[in-house]
Protein backbone atom coordinates (compact mmCIF):
# COMPACT_ATOMS: atom_id res chain seq x y z
CA MET A 1 -37.00 72.78 -50.93
CA THR A 2 -34.43 72.71 -53.69
CA GLN A 3 -30.82 72.70 -52.79
CA GLU A 4 -28.60 74.89 -54.90
CA LYS A 5 -25.46 73.25 -56.17
CA LYS A 6 -22.44 75.41 -55.50
CA THR A 7 -19.95 75.78 -58.28
CA TYR A 8 -16.35 76.62 -57.68
CA ALA A 9 -13.68 77.95 -59.98
CA LEU A 10 -11.16 75.41 -61.24
CA GLY A 11 -8.89 74.40 -58.35
CA LYS A 12 -10.87 76.40 -55.75
CA HIS A 13 -13.06 73.61 -54.37
CA PRO A 14 -12.40 73.20 -50.60
CA ASN A 15 -11.50 69.53 -51.05
CA SER A 16 -8.95 70.40 -53.74
CA ILE A 17 -7.36 73.09 -51.61
CA LYS A 18 -7.19 70.74 -48.61
CA ASN A 19 -5.16 68.25 -50.65
CA LEU A 20 -2.66 70.90 -51.74
CA LYS A 21 -1.13 71.57 -48.33
CA PRO A 22 2.49 70.41 -48.08
CA ILE A 23 3.32 67.33 -46.05
CA GLN A 24 5.33 68.08 -42.92
CA PRO A 25 8.45 66.06 -42.07
CA GLY A 26 7.49 62.88 -40.22
CA GLU A 27 3.88 63.04 -41.41
CA ALA A 28 2.61 59.89 -43.11
CA ARG A 29 1.77 60.28 -46.79
CA ASN A 30 -0.70 57.42 -46.71
CA PRO A 31 -1.83 56.92 -43.11
CA ASN A 32 -4.47 54.33 -44.02
CA GLY A 33 -2.29 52.50 -46.54
CA ARG A 34 -0.54 49.16 -46.29
CA PRO A 35 -0.32 48.01 -42.66
CA THR A 36 3.16 47.57 -41.24
CA ASN A 37 2.23 44.71 -38.92
CA ARG A 38 1.07 42.36 -41.65
CA LEU A 39 1.93 38.68 -41.54
CA CYS A 40 5.42 38.10 -42.92
CA LEU A 41 6.22 34.43 -43.44
CA THR A 42 9.92 35.08 -43.98
CA ALA A 43 10.29 36.78 -40.59
CA ILE A 44 8.43 33.93 -38.88
CA ALA A 45 10.57 31.32 -40.67
CA ARG A 46 13.81 33.08 -39.66
CA LYS A 47 12.75 33.03 -36.00
CA LYS A 48 11.80 29.35 -36.23
CA LEU A 49 15.07 28.28 -37.92
CA GLY A 50 17.05 28.94 -34.73
CA GLN A 51 14.71 26.90 -32.51
CA PRO A 52 15.33 23.24 -31.61
CA CYS A 53 13.97 20.74 -34.12
CA PRO A 54 11.69 18.05 -32.69
CA HIS A 55 12.64 15.60 -35.48
CA ASP A 56 16.32 15.44 -34.56
CA GLU A 57 17.52 15.99 -31.00
CA GLY A 58 20.30 18.53 -30.52
CA LYS A 59 19.83 20.24 -33.89
CA THR A 60 18.10 23.44 -34.85
CA TRP A 61 15.58 23.59 -37.66
CA ALA A 62 18.23 25.21 -39.89
CA GLU A 63 20.70 22.38 -39.28
CA TYR A 64 18.02 19.75 -39.82
CA LEU A 65 16.85 21.31 -43.10
CA VAL A 66 20.40 21.63 -44.43
CA ASP A 67 21.04 17.98 -43.60
CA GLN A 68 17.88 16.99 -45.49
CA TRP A 69 18.90 19.15 -48.42
CA LEU A 70 22.36 17.57 -48.59
CA GLU A 71 20.91 14.06 -48.44
CA LYS A 72 18.54 14.84 -51.31
CA ALA A 73 21.38 16.51 -53.30
CA VAL A 74 23.35 13.25 -53.22
CA LYS A 75 20.42 11.37 -54.80
CA ASN A 76 18.89 13.99 -57.09
CA ALA A 77 20.69 16.25 -59.61
CA VAL A 78 18.06 19.02 -59.30
CA TYR A 79 18.74 19.41 -55.57
CA PHE A 80 22.48 19.24 -56.25
CA CYS A 81 22.32 22.02 -58.88
CA GLU A 82 20.23 24.18 -56.56
CA LEU A 83 22.72 23.62 -53.76
CA LEU A 84 25.64 24.59 -56.00
CA ASP A 85 23.82 27.72 -57.20
CA ARG A 86 23.25 28.77 -53.59
CA LEU A 87 26.80 28.06 -52.48
CA GLU A 88 28.87 29.09 -55.51
CA GLY A 89 26.51 31.43 -57.37
CA LYS A 90 24.89 30.80 -60.71
CA VAL A 91 27.17 30.01 -63.63
CA THR A 92 27.34 32.87 -66.11
CA GLN A 93 26.38 32.19 -69.70
CA PRO A 94 28.68 34.05 -72.10
CA ILE A 95 27.04 35.60 -75.12
CA ALA A 96 28.69 34.86 -78.45
CA GLY A 97 27.94 35.52 -82.09
CA GLU A 98 27.65 33.00 -84.89
CA GLY A 99 30.20 30.19 -84.69
CA GLY A 100 31.21 31.25 -81.17
CA GLY A 101 32.90 34.44 -82.35
CA PRO A 102 32.36 37.94 -81.03
CA ILE A 103 29.06 39.70 -81.60
CA GLY A 104 29.31 42.33 -84.30
CA ILE A 105 26.95 45.16 -85.13
CA GLU A 106 26.42 46.69 -88.50
CA PHE A 107 28.38 49.83 -89.39
CA ASP A 108 25.36 52.16 -89.64
CA VAL A 109 23.94 50.94 -86.32
CA LYS A 110 27.30 51.48 -84.65
CA GLN A 111 27.49 55.01 -86.10
CA LYS A 112 24.02 55.84 -84.80
CA LEU A 113 24.89 54.54 -81.33
CA ILE A 114 28.10 56.58 -81.15
CA SER A 115 26.23 59.70 -82.32
CA ALA A 116 23.55 59.20 -79.68
CA ILE A 117 26.18 58.74 -76.97
CA ASN A 118 28.00 61.89 -78.09
CA ARG A 119 24.75 63.92 -78.03
CA LEU A 120 23.96 62.65 -74.54
CA ALA A 121 27.49 63.45 -73.36
CA ALA A 122 27.21 66.98 -74.78
CA ARG A 123 23.91 67.53 -72.93
CA THR A 124 25.28 66.26 -69.62
CA GLY A 125 28.58 68.11 -69.94
CA GLU A 126 30.73 65.00 -70.09
CA ALA A 127 33.64 64.63 -72.49
CA GLU A 128 32.59 63.44 -75.93
CA ASP A 129 33.74 60.16 -77.41
CA THR A 130 35.88 61.32 -80.31
CA GLN A 131 36.56 57.84 -81.63
CA GLU A 132 34.84 57.43 -84.98
CA PRO A 133 34.04 53.94 -86.29
CA ASP A 134 36.12 52.72 -89.18
CA GLU A 135 34.49 51.71 -92.42
CA GLN A 136 34.82 47.97 -91.80
CA GLY A 137 32.31 48.26 -88.93
CA SER A 138 34.66 47.19 -86.13
């Protein structure tokens, strides 16, 4: 008993056609994909932070951990810097050219950049930048 192998025209195989049907609103695109009830340590930690801490009566875990962090920040510069970054935000590092002056770009590079911007503006319908670079490259 030999079984004949069916051949289908390109794109006419039943499995291909089945995959081409549009997805209805509310239908999952990947029903067997990543599970939504997976273990999330951050969610568990957030719940725990509000609970009473057994190490220090009358304080929550969050209060206890902040106290520990502050104590370590007094003794260790690394903890102190981390604390400042969290409270005040990271310090920005300005970018400067040689000798601390402004960064300059060469005249031909600047011309190419302005031309590219003008072409993009023309394609998107925005107003063109009519300012042409001077010959000193500024």
